[in-house]
């Protein structure tokens, strides 16, 4: 999907753009590309930026058919735009702090996404809710996630930890099969699946499903096969996690939400006094 790369002015007569005007403006800008058809632009939500007076973050859903040569593909993506009066920008950076708001601003976490299937440790009514999106073959995730999960699991009344599988297929193709195998194993009753998932020894670029499943089964002592990872219940959970990530504007891993707010530091849990 084409991205607007410069600060763009809305109609100069506008004192403050309405949602409809923001949608209309983006439709005109993106829809001006002759290779784009069936364009749909919607506002998914918006949030004020306290540190940047007058600015609002708009969380947009953009869907279209894009022609590439003789082929056409359907694209459905989310994007963040920043609006202040009659100005709209695809990127906003605080000059004083260097903070890039595209990286730190996100919608408030939807309570409906705190599901029983995603709760991996702690009590649902714990004092703090932590949501983690991760790819088991992401190098940073392999360092961060096991440590964070192990720590919070010690305090079930303090932390309710919800985990969402987000394999980055373009970077780590093997993670897709690994993730589905983990979901299948969880549904079969295997305990502590997530922590052990980060111990599987497999090349992240591997695409052979059987080789990936062999590595998974070797680590877990299971017999997950290709039919297991294609079960409707496995596909349903996998798709749900991807839907949550898309809705929450999550594109990279690990991404952490602490008590409903995106935690750019990923370490707010360490600031909590535990007993």
Protein backbone atom coordinates (compact mmCIF):
# COMPACT_ATOMS: atom_id res chain seq x y z
CA UNK A 1 0.00 0.00 0.00
CA UNK A 2 1.40 3.41 -0.93
CA UNK A 3 2.33 5.47 2.13
CA UNK A 4 2.15 9.24 2.38
CA UNK A 5 5.68 10.37 3.16
CA UNK A 6 5.39 14.09 3.81
CA UNK A 7 3.32 16.39 6.02
CA UNK A 8 0.14 17.10 4.12
CA UNK A 9 -2.23 20.04 4.60
CA UNK A 10 -5.97 19.57 4.65
CA UNK A 11 -8.16 22.32 3.27
CA UNK A 12 -6.91 25.62 4.65
CA UNK A 13 -10.48 26.58 5.55
CA UNK A 14 -10.67 23.85 8.17
CA UNK A 15 -10.08 24.91 11.76
CA UNK A 16 -10.10 21.30 13.00
CA UNK A 17 -10.51 18.31 10.74
CA UNK A 18 -13.42 15.99 11.44
CA UNK A 19 -13.15 12.19 11.15
CA UNK A 20 -15.03 12.33 7.84
CA UNK A 21 -12.63 14.94 6.47
CA UNK A 22 -9.58 12.88 7.46
CA UNK A 23 -11.07 9.81 5.76
CA UNK A 24 -11.98 11.80 2.65
CA UNK A 25 -8.50 13.33 2.43
CA UNK A 26 -6.73 9.97 2.70
CA UNK A 27 -9.07 8.45 0.13
CA UNK A 28 -8.22 11.21 -2.32
CA UNK A 29 -4.49 10.91 -1.70
CA UNK A 30 -4.23 7.13 -1.81
CA UNK A 31 -7.01 6.62 -4.33
CA UNK A 32 -5.25 8.90 -6.79
CA UNK A 33 -2.98 5.98 -7.68
CA UNK A 34 -4.47 4.37 -10.84
CA UNK A 35 -3.29 0.93 -9.65
CA UNK A 36 -5.54 1.08 -6.58
CA UNK A 37 -9.22 0.15 -6.65
CA UNK A 38 -12.00 -0.77 -4.20
CA UNK A 39 -10.40 1.48 -1.59
CA UNK A 40 -11.89 1.53 1.91
CA UNK A 41 -10.58 3.84 4.63
CA UNK A 42 -11.98 3.86 8.18
CA UNK A 43 -11.12 5.41 11.54
CA UNK A 44 -10.50 2.62 14.07
CA UNK A 45 -9.85 5.02 16.95
CA UNK A 46 -7.94 8.10 18.00
CA UNK A 47 -5.96 9.36 20.97
CA UNK A 48 -4.72 12.74 22.19
CA UNK A 49 -0.97 13.24 22.58
CA UNK A 50 -0.50 15.03 25.92
CA UNK A 51 3.15 15.78 25.21
CA UNK A 52 2.28 17.37 21.85
CA UNK A 53 -0.45 19.93 22.44
CA UNK A 54 -3.19 19.94 19.83
CA UNK A 55 -2.14 16.71 18.14
CA UNK A 56 -4.26 13.57 17.89
CA UNK A 57 -3.21 10.14 16.70
CA UNK A 58 -5.68 8.62 14.22
CA UNK A 59 -5.62 4.83 13.93
CA UNK A 60 -6.75 4.04 10.41
CA UNK A 61 -7.80 0.88 8.60
CA UNK A 62 -6.95 0.89 4.89
CA UNK A 63 -8.18 -1.82 2.54
CA UNK A 64 -7.82 -1.96 -1.25
CA UNK A 65 -7.07 -4.01 -4.33
CA UNK A 66 -3.65 -3.17 -5.75
CA UNK A 67 -2.65 -3.96 -9.34
CA UNK A 68 0.95 -5.08 -9.81
CA UNK A 69 1.74 -5.78 -13.44
CA UNK A 70 -0.81 -8.30 -14.66
CA UNK A 71 -1.66 -9.40 -11.14
CA UNK A 72 -3.85 -7.89 -8.45
CA UNK A 73 -3.73 -8.50 -4.72
CA UNK A 74 -5.94 -7.47 -1.85
CA UNK A 75 -4.27 -5.49 0.94
CA UNK A 76 -5.66 -4.86 4.40
CA UNK A 77 -3.42 -2.82 6.66
CA UNK A 78 -3.58 -0.44 9.59
CA UNK A 79 -1.76 2.86 9.82
CA UNK A 80 -1.31 5.77 12.20
CA UNK A 81 -1.70 9.39 11.12
CA UNK A 82 -1.35 12.51 13.23
CA UNK A 83 -3.75 15.42 12.98
CA UNK A 84 -3.54 18.96 14.34
CA UNK A 85 -6.09 21.48 13.08
CA UNK A 86 -5.79 21.45 9.30
CA UNK A 87 -2.52 19.47 9.12
CA UNK A 88 -2.12 15.71 8.79
CA UNK A 89 1.20 13.86 9.02
CA UNK A 90 2.12 10.19 8.60
CA UNK A 91 4.98 10.58 11.10
CA UNK A 92 5.46 12.71 14.20
CA UNK A 93 8.68 13.18 16.18
CA UNK A 94 9.19 15.17 19.37
CA UNK A 95 12.12 17.48 18.60
CA UNK A 96 13.11 17.84 22.25
CA UNK A 97 13.00 14.18 23.26
CA UNK A 98 13.52 12.45 19.91
CA UNK A 99 10.49 10.28 20.60
CA UNK A 100 8.94 8.92 17.40
CA UNK A 101 5.26 8.66 18.20
CA UNK A 102 4.62 6.10 15.47
CA UNK A 103 6.62 3.68 17.65
CA UNK A 104 5.11 4.55 21.01
CA UNK A 105 1.47 5.50 20.43
CA UNK A 106 -1.09 2.72 20.10
CA UNK A 107 -4.79 2.20 20.79
CA UNK A 108 -5.77 1.25 24.32
CA UNK A 109 -5.82 -2.53 24.63
CA UNK A 110 -9.31 -3.91 24.02
CA UNK A 111 -10.58 -5.79 27.09
CA UNK A 112 -12.26 -8.32 24.80
CA UNK A 113 -8.80 -9.53 23.77
CA UNK A 114 -7.94 -10.72 27.30
CA UNK A 115 -9.19 -14.24 26.68
CA UNK A 116 -8.84 -17.44 28.69
CA UNK A 117 -7.02 -19.07 25.78
CA UNK A 118 -4.36 -16.35 25.79
CA UNK A 119 -3.83 -16.28 29.56
CA UNK A 120 -0.59 -18.22 30.17
CA UNK A 121 0.20 -17.30 33.77
CA UNK A 122 -1.29 -15.49 36.73
CA UNK A 123 -4.87 -15.01 37.81
CA UNK A 124 -7.34 -13.23 35.55
CA UNK A 125 -8.12 -10.77 38.36
CA UNK A 126 -4.46 -10.04 39.12
CA UNK A 127 -3.48 -6.45 39.91
CA UNK A 128 -1.78 -5.92 36.54
CA UNK A 129 -2.50 -7.20 33.04
CA UNK A 130 0.41 -7.73 30.67
CA UNK A 131 -0.08 -8.58 26.99
CA UNK A 132 2.91 -9.86 25.02
CA UNK A 133 3.11 -10.31 21.24
CA UNK A 134 6.06 -12.42 20.22
CA UNK A 135 7.76 -14.48 17.53
CA UNK A 136 9.64 -17.48 19.03
CA UNK A 137 12.48 -17.09 16.51
CA UNK A 138 12.93 -13.34 16.92
CA UNK A 139 16.42 -12.93 18.48
CA UNK A 140 15.28 -10.18 20.86
CA UNK A 141 12.23 -12.24 21.85
CA UNK A 142 14.40 -15.24 22.65
CA UNK A 143 16.34 -13.11 25.13
CA UNK A 144 13.48 -11.09 26.53
CA UNK A 145 10.36 -13.28 26.67
CA UNK A 146 11.58 -16.30 28.73
CA UNK A 147 13.07 -13.99 31.37
CA UNK A 148 9.96 -11.79 31.56
CA UNK A 149 7.56 -14.74 31.67
CA UNK A 150 9.58 -16.63 34.27
CA UNK A 151 9.70 -13.57 36.52
CA UNK A 152 6.00 -12.68 36.31
CA UNK A 153 4.89 -16.31 36.75
CA UNK A 154 6.28 -16.15 40.29
CA UNK A 155 3.65 -13.57 41.23
CA UNK A 156 0.25 -14.85 39.98
CA UNK A 157 -1.75 -12.37 42.07
CA UNK A 158 0.27 -9.47 40.74
CA UNK A 159 0.57 -10.26 37.01
CA UNK A 160 -1.94 -11.78 34.61
CA UNK A 161 0.11 -12.49 31.49
CA UNK A 162 -1.60 -12.86 28.13
CA UNK A 163 0.43 -14.17 25.19
CA UNK A 164 -0.30 -13.66 21.48
CA UNK A 165 1.56 -15.62 18.82
CA UNK A 166 2.91 -13.26 16.16
CA UNK A 167 5.32 -15.08 13.83
CA UNK A 168 7.00 -12.69 11.41
CA UNK A 169 6.72 -14.87 8.33
CA UNK A 170 8.79 -12.60 6.11
CA UNK A 171 11.76 -12.69 8.49
CA UNK A 172 11.37 -16.10 10.16
CA UNK A 173 9.30 -18.45 7.95
CA UNK A 174 9.80 -21.39 10.33
CA UNK A 175 8.05 -19.47 13.11
CA UNK A 176 4.65 -19.93 11.47
CA UNK A 177 4.77 -23.72 11.71
CA UNK A 178 6.37 -23.56 15.16
CA UNK A 179 3.59 -21.31 16.41
CA UNK A 180 0.85 -23.57 15.08
CA UNK A 181 2.58 -26.60 16.60
CA UNK A 182 2.66 -24.82 19.95
CA UNK A 183 -1.06 -24.04 19.74
CA UNK A 184 -1.79 -27.67 18.86
CA UNK A 185 0.33 -28.89 21.78
CA UNK A 186 -1.43 -26.48 24.16
CA UNK A 187 -4.80 -27.75 23.03
CA UNK A 188 -3.57 -31.33 23.54
CA UNK A 189 -2.73 -30.53 27.16
CA UNK A 190 1.02 -29.89 27.03
CA UNK A 191 2.08 -27.67 29.94
CA UNK A 192 4.45 -24.67 29.85
CA UNK A 193 4.35 -24.66 26.07
CA UNK A 194 5.37 -21.03 25.60
CA UNK A 195 8.56 -21.13 27.64
CA UNK A 196 9.79 -24.31 25.94
CA UNK A 197 8.91 -22.89 22.53
CA UNK A 198 11.91 -20.57 22.80
CA UNK A 199 14.23 -23.55 23.20
CA UNK A 200 13.42 -25.18 19.86
CA UNK A 201 16.57 -25.41 17.73
CA UNK A 202 15.64 -24.68 14.12
CA UNK A 203 16.91 -22.39 11.38
CA UNK A 204 14.53 -19.43 11.23
CA UNK A 205 14.61 -19.60 7.41
CA UNK A 206 13.52 -23.25 7.28
CA UNK A 207 10.35 -23.82 5.24
CA UNK A 208 10.09 -27.61 5.37
CA UNK A 209 7.14 -28.24 7.70
CA UNK A 210 8.25 -31.73 8.61
CA UNK A 211 11.75 -30.61 9.62
CA UNK A 212 10.22 -27.87 11.77
CA UNK A 213 7.78 -30.28 13.39
CA UNK A 214 10.61 -32.76 14.03
CA UNK A 215 12.55 -30.05 15.87
CA UNK A 216 9.45 -29.08 17.84
CA UNK A 217 8.65 -32.67 18.81
CA UNK A 218 12.24 -33.30 19.83
CA UNK A 219 12.07 -30.39 22.27
CA UNK A 220 8.63 -31.19 23.66
CA UNK A 221 8.56 -34.99 23.47
CA UNK A 222 5.33 -34.72 21.48
CA UNK A 223 4.05 -36.15 18.19
CA UNK A 224 2.50 -33.10 16.58
CA UNK A 225 2.01 -33.71 12.85
CA UNK A 226 0.81 -31.77 9.82
CA UNK A 227 -2.81 -32.71 10.43
CA UNK A 228 -2.58 -31.29 13.95
CA UNK A 229 -1.43 -27.86 12.82
CA UNK A 230 -4.27 -27.73 10.27
CA UNK A 231 -7.01 -28.47 12.80
CA UNK A 232 -9.78 -25.89 12.69
CA UNK A 233 -9.31 -25.06 16.38
CA UNK A 234 -5.59 -24.40 15.82
CA UNK A 235 -6.24 -22.22 12.77
CA UNK A 236 -8.95 -20.34 14.69
CA UNK A 237 -6.57 -19.47 17.56
CA UNK A 238 -3.75 -18.57 15.17
CA UNK A 239 -6.04 -16.25 13.19
CA UNK A 240 -7.39 -14.70 16.40
CA UNK A 241 -3.89 -13.76 17.57
CA UNK A 242 -3.12 -12.18 14.19
CA UNK A 243 -6.40 -10.25 14.33
CA UNK A 244 -5.57 -8.91 17.79
CA UNK A 245 -2.12 -7.82 16.61
CA UNK A 246 -3.59 -6.03 13.62
CA UNK A 247 -6.26 -4.31 15.70
CA UNK A 248 -3.67 -3.12 18.21
CA UNK A 249 -1.36 -1.82 15.46
CA UNK A 250 1.36 -4.34 16.38
CA UNK A 251 3.90 -4.90 13.62
CA UNK A 252 7.12 -5.90 15.42
CA UNK A 253 8.13 -8.23 18.20
CA UNK A 254 8.25 -8.27 21.09
CA UNK A 255 5.49 -5.74 21.68
CA UNK A 256 4.16 -5.32 25.21
CA UNK A 257 1.05 -3.69 26.64
CA UNK A 258 0.98 -3.00 30.37
CA UNK A 259 -2.43 -2.34 31.92
CA UNK A 260 -3.84 -1.56 28.49
CA UNK A 261 -1.14 0.89 27.40
CA UNK A 262 1.72 0.16 25.02
CA UNK A 263 4.93 -0.26 27.01
CA UNK A 264 7.73 0.96 24.76
CA UNK A 265 10.30 0.07 27.44
CA UNK A 266 8.90 -3.46 27.77
CA UNK A 267 10.03 -3.37 31.39
CA UNK A 268 7.23 -1.70 33.38
CA UNK A 269 6.64 -5.02 35.10
CA UNK A 270 10.02 -4.59 36.79
CA UNK A 271 8.87 -1.32 38.38
CA UNK A 272 6.08 -3.06 40.31
CA UNK A 273 6.73 -3.87 43.95
CA UNK A 274 5.96 -7.53 44.50
CA UNK A 275 5.63 -9.59 47.66
